[in-house]
Amino acid sequence: MHADHKPSFLVDPNKNLFYCYGCRRGGDVIRFAELYHQVTFPQAVALLQQWRGLPPLLHEAAGLYQMQLHRHGEAVAYLYKRGIRSPEVIEHMRIGYAPGGCLRGWLTQLGYPLQALRQAGLVTASGYDAYTHRVVFPLEGNLYGRSLSDAAPPHRFLPGAKGGLYSWEQVRQCPEVILVEGLFDFAVLWQAGFHNVTCPMGSHLNVYQYRQLCDCPRTVYLAFDADANGSGQQAAQSLACRLREQGMNVRRVSLPDGHDPNSFFVEAGDACQFQSLLEAALP
């Protein structure tokens, strides 16, 4: 929470309480997560859920969505259009589909009260499924839904924090890490054999994600979007400066103008071509 070289931190494991005599702050485990990771109360709760694994309620929801995926041709066609064609990556990411109108009934049959579904954000205040006509990716403590329809907002998360870097436990030991912005970018790279890839689900890392990325010396390849307005590359440049301050070896990958990693592979890019981009990446 702060720099301190004296033994001034007390933990009571029986009561799950802490107190710091240095800064005179204390509380329960949620308060500790708030202070240490510099997040709000809901975000701290989400982080604690993430460390424990996907909560049972979200696990059941994700399981139902996985069962629904191959029952709906429009969802499979959407994934195919976005370059996700390998059964292995679909299984690895546990991708599902929320058609709408089925989750509430399924979870209440399993014994979950309607109020719990509302509090989790899975059901709206009026009682309808919150995720409708969306491809769903389970996260650690959250769910991401990408709309198939242009009429609806494209992105949807449950209330609370998005959590840490995606699939971090599987890449944290890698000496080289590829950081992309989104889950569809992650999917096509993993499918192409780049299993040292992760993403923050956006171009800006939260405090927890930044600490994860800096937890040991490594080379980080920033493969952010080459947007027409330059926002992706500006975010990459800003992040590169911050990472170098922490001793990271940073390389910025130059994608063709107007492309992100997903569109690069969708439009006939392959693993050899992307490897060439990595080798040509500049500080």
C-alpha atoms as a PDB file:
ATOM      1  CA  MET A   1       0.000   0.000   0.000  1.00  0.00           C
ATOM      2  CA  HIS A   2       2.999   2.254   0.623  1.00  0.00           C
ATOM      3  CA  ALA A   3       6.769   2.089   0.976  1.00  0.00           C
ATOM      4  CA  ASP A   4       7.719   0.754   4.398  1.00  0.00           C
ATOM      5  CA  HIS A   5      10.779  -1.119   5.655  1.00  0.00           C
ATOM      6  CA  LYS A   6       9.614  -1.716   9.223  1.00  0.00           C
ATOM      7  CA  PRO A   7       7.446  -4.617  10.505  1.00  0.00           C
ATOM      8  CA  SER A   8       4.283  -2.577  10.911  1.00  0.00           C
ATOM      9  CA  PHE A   9       1.643  -4.687   9.154  1.00  0.00           C
ATOM     10  CA  LEU A  10      -0.658  -6.861  11.269  1.00  0.00           C
ATOM     11  CA  VAL A  11      -2.970  -9.585   9.930  1.00  0.00           C
ATOM     12  CA  ASP A  12      -5.553 -11.496  11.968  1.00  0.00           C
ATOM     13  CA  PRO A  13      -6.329 -14.611   9.863  1.00  0.00           C
ATOM     14  CA  ASN A  14      -9.066 -15.739  12.247  1.00  0.00           C
ATOM     15  CA  LYS A  15     -11.071 -12.545  11.764  1.00  0.00           C
ATOM     16  CA  ASN A  16      -9.845 -11.785   8.207  1.00  0.00           C
ATOM     17  CA  LEU A  17      -8.756  -8.317   9.311  1.00  0.00           C
ATOM     18  CA  PHE A  18      -5.601  -6.278   8.772  1.00  0.00           C
ATOM     19  CA  TYR A  19      -4.092  -3.105  10.223  1.00  0.00           C
ATOM     20  CA  CYS A  20      -1.082  -1.065   9.116  1.00  0.00           C
ATOM     21  CA  TYR A  21       0.565   0.932  11.906  1.00  0.00           C
ATOM     22  CA  GLY A  22       2.552   2.875   9.319  1.00  0.00           C
ATOM     23  CA  CYS A  23      -0.397   4.528   7.576  1.00  0.00           C
ATOM     24  CA  ARG A  24      -3.013   3.745  10.258  1.00  0.00           C
ATOM     25  CA  ARG A  25      -5.351   2.035   7.837  1.00  0.00           C
ATOM     26  CA  GLY A  26      -7.092  -1.284   8.292  1.00  0.00           C
ATOM     27  CA  GLY A  27     -10.178  -3.326   7.543  1.00  0.00           C
ATOM     28  CA  ASP A  28     -11.273  -6.585   5.955  1.00  0.00           C
ATOM     29  CA  VAL A  29      -9.994  -8.367   2.872  1.00  0.00           C
ATOM     30  CA  ILE A  30     -12.167  -6.260   0.541  1.00  0.00           C
ATOM     31  CA  ARG A  31     -10.755  -3.057   2.021  1.00  0.00           C
ATOM     32  CA  PHE A  32      -7.224  -4.412   1.551  1.00  0.00           C
ATOM     33  CA  ALA A  33      -7.920  -5.145  -2.133  1.00  0.00           C
ATOM     34  CA  GLU A  34      -9.333  -1.612  -2.536  1.00  0.00           C
ATOM     35  CA  LEU A  35      -6.213   0.002  -1.077  1.00  0.00           C
ATOM     36  CA  TYR A  36      -3.563  -2.275  -2.550  1.00  0.00           C
ATOM     37  CA  HIS A  37      -4.941  -2.298  -6.108  1.00  0.00           C
ATOM     38  CA  GLN A  38      -6.381   1.248  -5.972  1.00  0.00           C
ATOM     39  CA  VAL A  39      -9.849   0.189  -7.106  1.00  0.00           C
ATOM     40  CA  THR A  40     -13.441   0.825  -6.041  1.00  0.00           C
ATOM     41  CA  PHE A  41     -15.462  -1.479  -3.777  1.00  0.00           C
ATOM     42  CA  PRO A  42     -17.253  -3.342  -6.642  1.00  0.00           C
ATOM     43  CA  GLN A  43     -13.947  -3.741  -8.480  1.00  0.00           C
ATOM     44  CA  ALA A  44     -12.295  -5.114  -5.327  1.00  0.00           C
ATOM     45  CA  VAL A  45     -15.088  -7.672  -4.934  1.00  0.00           C
ATOM     46  CA  ALA A  46     -14.658  -8.695  -8.578  1.00  0.00           C
ATOM     47  CA  LEU A  47     -10.905  -9.137  -8.095  1.00  0.00           C
ATOM     48  CA  LEU A  48     -11.463 -11.346  -5.057  1.00  0.00           C
ATOM     49  CA  GLN A  49     -13.943 -13.408  -7.061  1.00  0.00           C
ATOM     50  CA  GLN A  50     -11.328 -13.689  -9.799  1.00  0.00           C
ATOM     51  CA  TRP A  51      -8.720 -15.043  -7.379  1.00  0.00           C
ATOM     52  CA  ARG A  52     -11.217 -17.656  -6.167  1.00  0.00           C
ATOM     53  CA  GLY A  53     -12.157 -18.589  -9.737  1.00  0.00           C
ATOM     54  CA  LEU A  54     -15.409 -18.085 -11.594  1.00  0.00           C
ATOM     55  CA  PRO A  55     -18.244 -17.915  -9.013  1.00  0.00           C
ATOM     56  CA  PRO A  56     -20.754 -20.814  -9.198  1.00  0.00           C
ATOM     57  CA  LEU A  57     -23.538 -18.620 -10.601  1.00  0.00           C
ATOM     58  CA  LEU A  58     -21.394 -17.306 -13.450  1.00  0.00           C
ATOM     59  CA  HIS A  59     -19.988 -20.789 -14.031  1.00  0.00           C
ATOM     60  CA  GLU A  60     -23.516 -22.115 -14.587  1.00  0.00           C
ATOM     61  CA  ALA A  61     -24.358 -19.208 -16.909  1.00  0.00           C
ATOM     62  CA  ALA A  62     -21.195 -19.720 -18.946  1.00  0.00           C
ATOM     63  CA  GLY A  63     -21.928 -23.442 -19.173  1.00  0.00           C
ATOM     64  CA  LEU A  64     -25.395 -22.832 -20.576  1.00  0.00           C
ATOM     65  CA  TYR A  65     -24.042 -20.344 -23.115  1.00  0.00           C
ATOM     66  CA  GLN A  66     -21.432 -22.893 -24.238  1.00  0.00           C
ATOM     67  CA  MET A  67     -24.167 -25.459 -24.839  1.00  0.00           C
ATOM     68  CA  GLN A  68     -26.117 -22.925 -26.891  1.00  0.00           C
ATOM     69  CA  LEU A  69     -23.293 -21.984 -29.272  1.00  0.00           C
ATOM     70  CA  HIS A  70     -23.546 -24.840 -31.767  1.00  0.00           C
ATOM     71  CA  ARG A  71     -27.340 -24.785 -31.628  1.00  0.00           C
ATOM     72  CA  HIS A  72     -27.366 -21.376 -33.310  1.00  0.00           C
ATOM     73  CA  GLY A  73     -25.909 -21.182 -36.782  1.00  0.00           C
ATOM     74  CA  GLU A  74     -25.833 -17.376 -36.730  1.00  0.00           C
ATOM     75  CA  ALA A  75     -23.416 -17.434 -33.788  1.00  0.00           C
ATOM     76  CA  VAL A  76     -21.069 -19.945 -35.443  1.00  0.00           C
ATOM     77  CA  ALA A  77     -21.232 -17.934 -38.675  1.00  0.00           C
ATOM     78  CA  TYR A  78     -20.323 -14.758 -36.797  1.00  0.00           C
ATOM     79  CA  LEU A  79     -17.273 -16.419 -35.241  1.00  0.00           C
ATOM     80  CA  TYR A  80     -16.251 -17.722 -38.666  1.00  0.00           C
ATOM     81  CA  LYS A  81     -16.563 -14.218 -40.113  1.00  0.00           C
ATOM     82  CA  ARG A  82     -14.323 -12.925 -37.313  1.00  0.00           C
ATOM     83  CA  GLY A  83     -11.688 -15.542 -38.099  1.00  0.00           C
ATOM     84  CA  ILE A  84     -12.438 -17.920 -35.214  1.00  0.00           C
ATOM     85  CA  ARG A  85     -12.714 -21.287 -36.936  1.00  0.00           C
ATOM     86  CA  SER A  86     -10.767 -23.756 -34.818  1.00  0.00           C
ATOM     87  CA  PRO A  87     -12.706 -25.962 -32.354  1.00  0.00           C
ATOM     88  CA  GLU A  88      -9.600 -25.886 -30.162  1.00  0.00           C
ATOM     89  CA  VAL A  89      -9.684 -22.109 -29.639  1.00  0.00           C
ATOM     90  CA  ILE A  90     -13.452 -22.174 -29.040  1.00  0.00           C
ATOM     91  CA  GLU A  91     -12.923 -24.821 -26.365  1.00  0.00           C
ATOM     92  CA  HIS A  92      -9.861 -23.075 -24.926  1.00  0.00           C
ATOM     93  CA  MET A  93     -11.683 -19.757 -24.518  1.00  0.00           C
ATOM     94  CA  ARG A  94     -14.972 -21.473 -23.548  1.00  0.00           C
ATOM     95  CA  ILE A  95     -16.832 -19.336 -26.068  1.00  0.00           C
ATOM     96  CA  GLY A  96     -20.626 -19.514 -25.898  1.00  0.00           C
ATOM     97  CA  TYR A  97     -23.737 -17.819 -27.199  1.00  0.00           C
ATOM     98  CA  ALA A  98     -26.558 -16.022 -25.403  1.00  0.00           C
ATOM     99  CA  PRO A  99     -29.695 -16.229 -27.562  1.00  0.00           C
ATOM    100  CA  GLY A 100     -31.793 -14.558 -24.868  1.00  0.00           C
ATOM    101  CA  GLY A 101     -34.866 -15.878 -23.126  1.00  0.00           C
ATOM    102  CA  CYS A 102     -33.307 -19.026 -21.658  1.00  0.00           C
ATOM    103  CA  LEU A 103     -30.868 -18.115 -18.864  1.00  0.00           C
ATOM    104  CA  ARG A 104     -33.345 -16.946 -16.219  1.00  0.00           C
ATOM    105  CA  GLY A 105     -35.420 -20.127 -16.445  1.00  0.00           C
ATOM    106  CA  TRP A 106     -32.325 -22.351 -16.416  1.00  0.00           C
ATOM    107  CA  LEU A 107     -30.766 -20.740 -13.346  1.00  0.00           C
ATOM    108  CA  THR A 108     -34.005 -20.552 -11.354  1.00  0.00           C
ATOM    109  CA  GLN A 109     -34.539 -24.277 -12.048  1.00  0.00           C
ATOM    110  CA  LEU A 110     -31.106 -24.838 -10.513  1.00  0.00           C
ATOM    111  CA  GLY A 111     -32.295 -23.050  -7.374  1.00  0.00           C
ATOM    112  CA  TYR A 112     -30.824 -19.560  -7.805  1.00  0.00           C
ATOM    113  CA  PRO A 113     -33.224 -16.822  -6.628  1.00  0.00           C
ATOM    114  CA  LEU A 114     -34.221 -14.125  -9.111  1.00  0.00           C
ATOM    115  CA  GLN A 115     -32.739 -11.428  -6.876  1.00  0.00           C
ATOM    116  CA  ALA A 116     -29.323 -13.088  -7.083  1.00  0.00           C
ATOM    117  CA  LEU A 117     -29.527 -13.050 -10.878  1.00  0.00           C
ATOM    118  CA  ARG A 118     -30.402  -9.355 -10.830  1.00  0.00           C
ATOM    119  CA  GLN A 119     -27.562  -8.536  -8.435  1.00  0.00           C
ATOM    120  CA  ALA A 120     -25.088 -10.386 -10.644  1.00  0.00           C
ATOM    121  CA  GLY A 121     -26.293  -8.433 -13.688  1.00  0.00           C
ATOM    122  CA  LEU A 122     -27.386 -11.557 -15.555  1.00  0.00           C
ATOM    123  CA  VAL A 123     -31.039 -10.494 -15.513  1.00  0.00           C
ATOM    124  CA  THR A 124     -32.414  -6.974 -15.964  1.00  0.00           C
ATOM    125  CA  ALA A 125     -34.573  -5.202 -13.388  1.00  0.00           C
ATOM    126  CA  SER A 126     -37.639  -6.148 -15.451  1.00  0.00           C
ATOM    127  CA  GLY A 127     -36.650  -9.825 -15.386  1.00  0.00           C
ATOM    128  CA  TYR A 128     -35.256 -10.362 -18.888  1.00  0.00           C
ATOM    129  CA  ASP A 129     -31.923 -11.958 -19.779  1.00  0.00           C
ATOM    130  CA  ALA A 130     -29.278  -9.208 -19.861  1.00  0.00           C
ATOM    131  CA  TYR A 131     -27.254 -10.947 -22.577  1.00  0.00           C
ATOM    132  CA  THR A 132     -29.227 -11.361 -25.798  1.00  0.00           C
ATOM    133  CA  HIS A 133     -27.908 -12.286 -29.264  1.00  0.00           C
ATOM    134  CA  ARG A 134     -24.332 -12.070 -28.022  1.00  0.00           C
ATOM    135  CA  VAL A 135     -21.265 -14.264 -28.357  1.00  0.00           C
ATOM    136  CA  VAL A 136     -20.077 -14.722 -24.778  1.00  0.00           C
ATOM    137  CA  PHE A 137     -16.549 -15.105 -23.416  1.00  0.00           C
ATOM    138  CA  PRO A 138     -16.185 -16.120 -19.746  1.00  0.00           C
ATOM    139  CA  LEU A 139     -13.648 -14.038 -17.848  1.00  0.00           C
ATOM    140  CA  GLU A 140     -12.363 -14.529 -14.314  1.00  0.00           C
ATOM    141  CA  GLY A 141     -15.222 -13.023 -12.330  1.00  0.00           C
ATOM    142  CA  ASN A 142     -17.093 -11.519 -15.279  1.00  0.00           C
ATOM    143  CA  LEU A 143     -18.606 -12.250 -18.700  1.00  0.00           C
ATOM    144  CA  TYR A 144     -17.956 -10.389 -21.944  1.00  0.00           C
ATOM    145  CA  GLY A 145     -20.708 -10.358 -24.556  1.00  0.00           C
ATOM    146  CA  ARG A 146     -20.215  -9.192 -28.160  1.00  0.00           C
ATOM    147  CA  SER A 147     -23.437  -8.305 -29.954  1.00  0.00           C
ATOM    148  CA  LEU A 148     -24.205  -9.912 -33.305  1.00  0.00           C
ATOM    149  CA  SER A 149     -26.473  -6.975 -34.126  1.00  0.00           C
ATOM    150  CA  ASP A 150     -25.300  -3.522 -35.154  1.00  0.00           C
ATOM    151  CA  ALA A 151     -28.441  -2.101 -33.522  1.00  0.00           C
ATOM    152  CA  ALA A 152     -27.302  -2.993 -29.978  1.00  0.00           C
ATOM    153  CA  PRO A 153     -24.273  -1.679 -28.065  1.00  0.00           C
ATOM    154  CA  PRO A 154     -21.383  -3.870 -29.252  1.00  0.00           C
ATOM    155  CA  HIS A 155     -19.788  -4.633 -25.875  1.00  0.00           C
ATOM    156  CA  ARG A 156     -21.309  -5.794 -22.612  1.00  0.00           C
ATOM    157  CA  PHE A 157     -19.766  -6.729 -19.265  1.00  0.00           C
ATOM    158  CA  LEU A 158     -21.359  -7.564 -15.940  1.00  0.00           C
ATOM    159  CA  PRO A 159     -21.163  -4.837 -13.257  1.00  0.00           C
ATOM    160  CA  GLY A 160     -17.759  -4.602 -11.591  1.00  0.00           C
ATOM    161  CA  ALA A 161     -14.181  -4.870 -12.764  1.00  0.00           C
ATOM    162  CA  LYS A 162     -13.132  -6.690 -15.915  1.00  0.00           C
ATOM    163  CA  GLY A 163     -10.389  -8.290 -13.830  1.00  0.00           C
ATOM    164  CA  GLY A 164      -6.815  -9.072 -14.747  1.00  0.00           C
ATOM    165  CA  LEU A 165      -5.082  -9.786 -18.030  1.00  0.00           C
ATOM    166  CA  TYR A 166      -6.858 -12.489 -20.005  1.00  0.00           C
ATOM    167  CA  SER A 167      -5.424 -16.005 -19.587  1.00  0.00           C
ATOM    168  CA  TRP A 168      -2.533 -14.525 -17.595  1.00  0.00           C
ATOM    169  CA  GLU A 169      -1.748 -17.638 -15.574  1.00  0.00           C
ATOM    170  CA  GLN A 170      -0.973 -19.476 -18.821  1.00  0.00           C
ATOM    171  CA  VAL A 171       1.478 -16.852 -20.134  1.00  0.00           C
ATOM    172  CA  ARG A 172       3.055 -15.261 -17.056  1.00  0.00           C
ATOM    173  CA  GLN A 173       6.100 -17.568 -17.209  1.00  0.00           C
ATOM    174  CA  CYS A 174       6.815 -16.668 -20.848  1.00  0.00           C
ATOM    175  CA  PRO A 175       9.926 -14.504 -21.363  1.00  0.00           C
ATOM    176  CA  GLU A 176       8.130 -12.811 -24.284  1.00  0.00           C
ATOM    177  CA  VAL A 177       4.478 -11.742 -24.150  1.00  0.00           C
ATOM    178  CA  ILE A 178       2.287 -10.370 -26.939  1.00  0.00           C
ATOM    179  CA  LEU A 179      -0.235  -7.819 -25.671  1.00  0.00           C
ATOM    180  CA  VAL A 180      -3.270  -7.143 -27.870  1.00  0.00           C
ATOM    181  CA  GLU A 181      -6.357  -5.056 -27.147  1.00  0.00           C
ATOM    182  CA  GLY A 182      -9.301  -7.436 -27.431  1.00  0.00           C
ATOM    183  CA  LEU A 183     -10.506 -11.018 -27.173  1.00  0.00           C
ATOM    184  CA  PHE A 184     -11.013 -11.450 -30.922  1.00  0.00           C
ATOM    185  CA  ASP A 185      -7.393 -10.363 -31.411  1.00  0.00           C
ATOM    186  CA  PHE A 186      -6.384 -12.898 -28.757  1.00  0.00           C
ATOM    187  CA  ALA A 187      -8.418 -15.649 -30.433  1.00  0.00           C
ATOM    188  CA  VAL A 188      -6.859 -15.398 -33.895  1.00  0.00           C
ATOM    189  CA  LEU A 189      -3.326 -15.203 -32.507  1.00  0.00           C
ATOM    190  CA  TRP A 190      -3.824 -18.190 -30.195  1.00  0.00           C
ATOM    191  CA  GLN A 191      -5.391 -20.071 -33.109  1.00  0.00           C
ATOM    192  CA  ALA A 192      -2.296 -19.282 -35.215  1.00  0.00           C
ATOM    193  CA  GLY A 193       0.002 -20.780 -32.578  1.00  0.00           C
ATOM    194  CA  PHE A 194       0.985 -17.678 -30.589  1.00  0.00           C
ATOM    195  CA  HIS A 195       0.100 -19.001 -27.148  1.00  0.00           C
ATOM    196  CA  ASN A 196       2.084 -16.293 -25.338  1.00  0.00           C
ATOM    197  CA  VAL A 197      -0.671 -13.748 -26.017  1.00  0.00           C
ATOM    198  CA  THR A 198      -2.835 -11.878 -23.516  1.00  0.00           C
ATOM    199  CA  CYS A 199      -5.130  -8.851 -23.532  1.00  0.00           C
ATOM    200  CA  PRO A 200      -6.567  -6.226 -21.139  1.00  0.00           C
ATOM    201  CA  MET A 201      -9.875  -5.941 -23.073  1.00  0.00           C
ATOM    202  CA  GLY A 202      -9.145  -2.405 -24.173  1.00  0.00           C
ATOM    203  CA  SER A 203      -6.165  -0.186 -24.904  1.00  0.00           C
ATOM    204  CA  HIS A 204      -5.693   0.969 -21.305  1.00  0.00           C
ATOM    205  CA  LEU A 205      -4.548  -1.313 -18.491  1.00  0.00           C
ATOM    206  CA  ASN A 206      -6.048  -1.056 -15.023  1.00  0.00           C
ATOM    207  CA  VAL A 207      -3.717  -0.985 -12.000  1.00  0.00           C
ATOM    208  CA  TYR A 208      -3.986  -4.728 -11.429  1.00  0.00           C
ATOM    209  CA  GLN A 209      -3.251  -5.594 -15.070  1.00  0.00           C
ATOM    210  CA  TYR A 210      -0.248  -3.253 -15.111  1.00  0.00           C
ATOM    211  CA  ARG A 211       1.195  -4.902 -12.021  1.00  0.00           C
ATOM    212  CA  GLN A 212       0.684  -8.320 -13.566  1.00  0.00           C
ATOM    213  CA  LEU A 213       2.574  -7.333 -16.716  1.00  0.00           C
ATOM    214  CA  CYS A 214       5.444  -5.912 -14.645  1.00  0.00           C
ATOM    215  CA  ASP A 215       5.736  -8.773 -12.168  1.00  0.00           C
ATOM    216  CA  CYS A 216       9.106  -9.874 -13.613  1.00  0.00           C
ATOM    217  CA  PRO A 217      11.515  -8.789 -16.391  1.00  0.00           C
ATOM    218  CA  ARG A 218      10.222  -9.775 -19.831  1.00  0.00           C
ATOM    219  CA  THR A 219       9.876  -8.590 -23.413  1.00  0.00           C
ATOM    220  CA  VAL A 220       6.442  -7.184 -24.221  1.00  0.00           C
ATOM    221  CA  TYR A 221       5.266  -6.867 -27.830  1.00  0.00           C
ATOM    222  CA  LEU A 222       2.497  -4.268 -28.083  1.00  0.00           C
ATOM    223  CA  ALA A 223       0.279  -5.269 -31.013  1.00  0.00           C
ATOM    224  CA  PHE A 224      -2.374  -2.570 -30.675  1.00  0.00           C
ATOM    225  CA  ASP A 225      -4.827  -1.466 -33.340  1.00  0.00           C
ATOM    226  CA  ALA A 226      -3.541   0.698 -36.201  1.00  0.00           C
ATOM    227  CA  ASP A 227      -6.665   2.899 -36.087  1.00  0.00           C
ATOM    228  CA  ALA A 228      -7.193   5.631 -38.636  1.00  0.00           C
ATOM    229  CA  ASN A 229      -7.389   8.169 -35.793  1.00  0.00           C
ATOM    230  CA  GLY A 230      -4.175   6.888 -34.231  1.00  0.00           C
ATOM    231  CA  SER A 231      -5.721   6.133 -30.831  1.00  0.00           C
ATOM    232  CA  GLY A 232      -4.397   2.580 -30.642  1.00  0.00           C
ATOM    233  CA  GLN A 233      -0.820   3.568 -31.421  1.00  0.00           C
ATOM    234  CA  GLN A 234      -0.978   6.533 -29.051  1.00  0.00           C
ATOM    235  CA  ALA A 235      -2.081   4.188 -26.273  1.00  0.00           C
ATOM    236  CA  ALA A 236       0.740   1.789 -27.201  1.00  0.00           C
ATOM    237  CA  GLN A 237       3.320   4.572 -27.088  1.00  0.00           C
ATOM    238  CA  SER A 238       2.108   5.774 -23.696  1.00  0.00           C
ATOM    239  CA  LEU A 239       2.106   2.249 -22.271  1.00  0.00           C
ATOM    240  CA  ALA A 240       5.565   1.540 -23.725  1.00  0.00           C
ATOM    241  CA  CYS A 241       7.006   4.493 -21.817  1.00  0.00           C
ATOM    242  CA  ARG A 242       5.440   3.323 -18.542  1.00  0.00           C
ATOM    243  CA  LEU A 243       6.644  -0.239 -19.019  1.00  0.00           C
ATOM    244  CA  ARG A 244      10.208   0.852 -19.765  1.00  0.00           C
ATOM    245  CA  GLU A 245      10.210   2.768 -16.476  1.00  0.00           C
ATOM    246  CA  GLN A 246       9.650  -0.614 -14.810  1.00  0.00           C
ATOM    247  CA  GLY A 247      12.556  -2.211 -16.668  1.00  0.00           C
ATOM    248  CA  MET A 248      10.511  -3.988 -19.322  1.00  0.00           C
ATOM    249  CA  ASN A 249      11.911  -4.559 -22.816  1.00  0.00           C
ATOM    250  CA  VAL A 250       9.162  -3.179 -25.062  1.00  0.00           C
ATOM    251  CA  ARG A 251       8.614  -3.581 -28.793  1.00  0.00           C
ATOM    252  CA  ARG A 252       5.786  -1.947 -30.742  1.00  0.00           C
ATOM    253  CA  VAL A 253       4.354  -4.013 -33.580  1.00  0.00           C
ATOM    254  CA  SER A 254       3.429  -2.054 -36.712  1.00  0.00           C
ATOM    255  CA  LEU A 255       0.290  -3.515 -38.262  1.00  0.00           C
ATOM    256  CA  PRO A 256      -0.891  -2.386 -41.720  1.00  0.00           C
ATOM    257  CA  ASP A 257      -2.865   0.868 -41.576  1.00  0.00           C
ATOM    258  CA  GLY A 258      -6.455   0.406 -40.489  1.00  0.00           C
ATOM    259  CA  HIS A 259      -5.888  -3.115 -39.158  1.00  0.00           C
ATOM    260  CA  ASP A 260      -5.932  -4.815 -35.797  1.00  0.00           C
ATOM    261  CA  PRO A 261      -4.572  -8.359 -35.251  1.00  0.00           C
ATOM    262  CA  ASN A 262      -8.031  -9.817 -35.841  1.00  0.00           C
ATOM    263  CA  SER A 263      -8.598  -8.135 -39.199  1.00  0.00           C
ATOM    264  CA  PHE A 264      -4.989  -8.895 -40.196  1.00  0.00           C
ATOM    265  CA  PHE A 265      -5.690 -12.634 -39.977  1.00  0.00           C
ATOM    266  CA  VAL A 266      -9.245 -12.387 -41.314  1.00  0.00           C
ATOM    267  CA  GLU A 267      -7.912 -10.743 -44.474  1.00  0.00           C
ATOM    268  CA  ALA A 268      -5.514 -13.564 -45.321  1.00  0.00           C
ATOM    269  CA  GLY A 269      -2.635 -12.782 -42.949  1.00  0.00           C
ATOM    270  CA  ASP A 270      -0.887 -15.857 -41.594  1.00  0.00           C
ATOM    271  CA  ALA A 271       1.410 -16.875 -38.751  1.00  0.00           C
ATOM    272  CA  CYS A 272       4.615 -16.419 -40.803  1.00  0.00           C
ATOM    273  CA  GLN A 273       3.617 -12.887 -41.775  1.00  0.00           C
ATOM    274  CA  PHE A 274       2.756 -11.973 -38.196  1.00  0.00           C
ATOM    275  CA  GLN A 275       6.055 -13.463 -36.989  1.00  0.00           C
ATOM    276  CA  SER A 276       7.793 -11.149 -39.458  1.00  0.00           C
ATOM    277  CA  LEU A 277       5.959  -8.199 -37.903  1.00  0.00           C
ATOM    278  CA  LEU A 278       7.177  -9.264 -34.464  1.00  0.00           C
ATOM    279  CA  GLU A 279      10.756  -9.512 -35.698  1.00  0.00           C
ATOM    280  CA  ALA A 280      10.485  -6.055 -37.284  1.00  0.00           C
ATOM    281  CA  ALA A 281       8.962  -4.472 -34.159  1.00  0.00           C
ATOM    282  CA  LEU A 282      10.773  -1.356 -32.967  1.00  0.00           C
ATOM    283  CA  PRO A 283      11.284  -0.001 -29.420  1.00  0.00           C
END
